[in-house]
Protein backbone atom coordinates (compact mmCIF):
# COMPACT_ATOMS: atom_id res chain seq x y z
CA UNK A 1 -108.04 176.74 125.93
CA UNK A 2 -107.60 174.12 123.21
CA UNK A 3 -109.87 171.10 123.45
CA UNK A 4 -108.08 167.81 123.81
CA UNK A 5 -108.96 165.02 121.37
CA UNK A 6 -110.18 161.96 123.30
CA UNK A 7 -110.69 158.50 121.80
CA UNK A 8 -112.68 155.82 123.51
CA UNK A 9 -111.41 152.21 123.42
CA UNK A 10 -114.69 151.29 121.70
CA UNK A 11 -113.66 153.54 118.76
CA UNK A 12 -110.26 151.92 118.23
CA UNK A 13 -110.06 149.53 115.28
CA UNK A 14 -108.09 146.54 116.71
CA UNK A 15 -105.56 144.94 114.35
CA UNK A 16 -103.15 142.05 114.67
CA UNK A 17 -99.46 142.57 114.90
CA UNK A 18 -97.35 141.25 112.01
CA UNK A 19 -94.05 139.79 113.31
CA UNK A 20 -90.56 139.88 111.77
CA UNK A 21 -89.48 137.54 114.55
CA UNK A 22 -92.21 136.39 116.92
CA UNK A 23 -92.48 137.44 119.74
CA UNK A 24 -89.42 139.64 119.75
CA UNK A 25 -89.49 142.02 116.72
CA UNK A 26 -92.76 143.25 115.25
CA UNK A 27 -93.07 144.97 111.89
CA UNK A 28 -93.96 148.62 112.05
CA UNK A 29 -92.70 149.10 115.62
CA UNK A 30 -89.47 150.18 117.14
CA UNK A 31 -87.34 147.52 118.88
CA UNK A 32 -84.43 148.71 121.06
CA UNK A 33 -81.39 146.45 121.63
CA UNK A 34 -79.74 147.95 124.67
CA UNK A 35 -76.62 147.02 126.61
CA UNK A 36 -73.17 148.18 127.66
CA UNK A 37 -70.35 148.62 125.24
CA UNK A 38 -68.83 145.29 124.27
CA UNK A 39 -71.97 143.23 125.07
CA UNK A 40 -72.31 142.17 121.40
CA UNK A 41 -75.36 144.24 120.39
CA UNK A 42 -74.05 144.93 116.91
CA UNK A 43 -72.91 141.32 116.44
CA UNK A 44 -76.34 140.12 117.52
CA UNK A 45 -78.21 142.48 115.19
CA UNK A 46 -75.86 141.69 112.25
CA UNK A 47 -76.35 137.99 112.76
CA UNK A 48 -80.13 138.45 112.71
CA UNK A 49 -79.83 140.61 109.62
CA UNK A 50 -77.71 137.95 107.93
CA UNK A 51 -80.31 135.28 108.62
CA UNK A 52 -83.16 137.49 107.39
CA UNK A 53 -81.19 138.33 104.20
CA UNK A 54 -81.10 134.63 103.40
CA UNK A 55 -84.61 133.77 104.55
CA UNK A 56 -83.33 131.46 107.22
CA UNK A 57 -85.46 130.52 110.24
CA UNK A 58 -85.07 132.71 113.24
CA UNK A 59 -83.90 131.25 116.59
CA UNK A 60 -86.50 129.79 118.89
CA UNK A 61 -89.10 129.37 116.08
CA UNK A 62 -90.84 126.42 114.42
CA UNK A 63 -88.01 126.22 111.87
CA UNK A 64 -89.74 127.85 108.93
CA UNK A 65 -88.11 130.97 107.47
CA UNK A 66 -89.57 133.89 105.62
CA UNK A 67 -88.59 135.10 102.16
CA UNK A 68 -85.25 136.92 102.13
CA UNK A 69 -85.50 140.67 102.95
CA UNK A 70 -83.54 143.86 102.39
CA UNK A 71 -82.02 145.56 105.38
CA UNK A 72 -81.01 149.21 105.74
CA UNK A 73 -78.13 149.49 108.29
CA UNK A 74 -76.83 152.83 109.48
CA UNK A 75 -74.12 153.05 112.12
CA UNK A 76 -72.32 156.12 113.44
CA UNK A 77 -69.74 154.04 115.30
CA UNK A 78 -68.66 151.23 112.90
CA UNK A 79 -67.62 151.65 109.32
CA UNK A 80 -69.15 149.53 106.59
CA UNK A 81 -65.86 148.54 104.98
CA UNK A 82 -63.91 147.26 107.89
CA UNK A 83 -66.52 146.16 110.45
CA UNK A 84 -70.14 145.94 109.35
CA UNK A 85 -69.83 144.20 105.99
CA UNK A 86 -67.09 141.74 107.12
CA UNK A 87 -69.21 140.77 110.19
CA UNK A 88 -72.34 140.43 108.07
CA UNK A 89 -70.62 138.27 105.46
CA UNK A 90 -68.94 136.19 108.22
CA UNK A 91 -72.45 135.53 109.61
CA UNK A 92 -73.55 134.23 106.24
CA UNK A 93 -75.52 137.32 105.03
CA UNK A 94 -76.31 138.12 101.46
CA UNK A 95 -74.31 141.35 100.70
CA UNK A 96 -76.83 142.24 97.98
CA UNK A 97 -79.47 142.73 100.66
CA UNK A 98 -77.50 144.88 103.23
CA UNK A 99 -77.99 148.51 102.24
CA UNK A 100 -76.45 151.81 103.39
CA UNK A 101 -77.79 155.38 102.88
CA UNK A 102 -75.06 157.73 101.78
CA UNK A 103 -74.08 160.36 104.31
CA UNK A 104 -71.59 162.15 102.07
CA UNK A 105 -73.67 165.34 101.86
CA UNK A 106 -75.23 165.29 105.26
CA UNK A 107 -75.58 162.96 108.27
CA UNK A 108 -78.74 160.91 108.73
CA UNK A 109 -81.10 161.34 111.66
CA UNK A 110 -84.06 159.27 112.82
CA UNK A 111 -86.42 161.92 111.43
CA UNK A 112 -84.69 162.20 108.06
CA UNK A 113 -87.08 161.76 105.15
CA UNK A 114 -84.29 159.91 103.30
CA UNK A 115 -85.18 156.90 105.50
CA UNK A 116 -88.70 156.86 104.08
CA UNK A 117 -87.41 157.31 100.53
CA UNK A 118 -84.84 154.46 101.00
CA UNK A 119 -87.44 152.07 102.44
CA UNK A 120 -89.83 152.77 99.57
CA UNK A 121 -87.03 152.55 96.92
CA UNK A 122 -85.54 149.26 98.24
CA UNK A 123 -88.48 147.58 99.89
CA UNK A 124 -86.41 147.14 103.00
CA UNK A 125 -88.30 145.33 105.83
CA UNK A 126 -85.71 146.08 108.58
CA UNK A 127 -84.07 149.39 109.32
CA UNK A 128 -81.20 149.31 111.85
CA UNK A 129 -80.04 152.63 113.26
CA UNK A 130 -77.04 152.40 115.55
CA UNK A 131 -76.71 155.80 117.24
CA UNK A 132 -73.45 157.14 118.46
CA UNK A 133 -72.69 157.19 122.19
CA UNK A 134 -73.22 160.93 121.96
CA UNK A 135 -76.79 160.60 121.05
CA UNK A 136 -77.41 157.71 123.39
CA UNK A 137 -76.16 159.38 126.53
CA UNK A 138 -72.47 158.59 126.52
CA UNK A 139 -69.84 161.23 125.88
CA UNK A 140 -68.19 161.18 122.43
CA UNK A 141 -67.01 164.10 120.50
CA UNK A 142 -66.06 162.68 117.06
CA UNK A 143 -69.61 162.09 115.84
CA UNK A 144 -71.86 165.01 114.96
CA UNK A 145 -74.84 165.19 117.35
CA UNK A 146 -77.47 165.08 114.49
CA UNK A 147 -76.35 161.68 113.32
CA UNK A 148 -79.00 159.04 114.08
CA UNK A 149 -80.59 161.34 116.64
CA UNK A 150 -84.14 162.62 117.01
CA UNK A 151 -87.56 161.22 116.37
CA UNK A 152 -88.24 157.99 114.44
CA UNK A 153 -91.81 159.09 113.55
CA UNK A 154 -91.28 159.16 109.78
CA UNK A 155 -90.68 155.42 109.74
CA UNK A 156 -93.86 154.78 111.59
CA UNK A 157 -95.89 156.96 109.24
CA UNK A 158 -95.48 154.66 106.33
CA UNK A 159 -98.83 153.93 104.62
CA UNK A 160 -101.07 151.93 106.95
CA UNK A 161 -98.05 150.87 109.06
CA UNK A 162 -98.98 147.36 107.99
CA UNK A 163 -95.92 145.80 106.41
CA UNK A 164 -93.84 148.82 107.43
CA UNK A 165 -90.29 147.89 108.28
CA UNK A 166 -89.16 146.90 111.68
CA UNK A 167 -86.93 149.53 113.08
CA UNK A 168 -84.15 148.57 115.46
CA UNK A 169 -82.07 150.95 117.46
CA UNK A 170 -78.88 149.71 119.10
CA UNK A 171 -77.92 151.62 122.24
């Protein structure tokens, strides 16, 4: 029988949470935006991304913004050219800061090492992964099942996890 590793609370090094948007979206954690189709989840996230790309203050805060950040946005439902980028620009976003990982050769999944590489290469502080209805429990046959599916552990393994990007999943 394999021995289970047990950690006492007294052995845990406590650290403060760094916030992208206090108290809603912490850095280095996964935030899920969930709702029914047509509820405006993508519009909500694109509006937040637009504000963050310009360093604007977030809603319900003291009015001070942060420096502008880069955002990686991957969607298996909406296309960049006719939906994502027009909505982002309409919301006032800086198009130089909204980034997409190419899926020409293979689809991206949550556990894909290209996410880590892209975060390191671009310094992105927010990663948005909008899974297809197929991977989020709704029936859809046009999107391959590997796209945006699986574990998000690679994002959380970034060095020290301090300053790691926030990871949002829209379902």
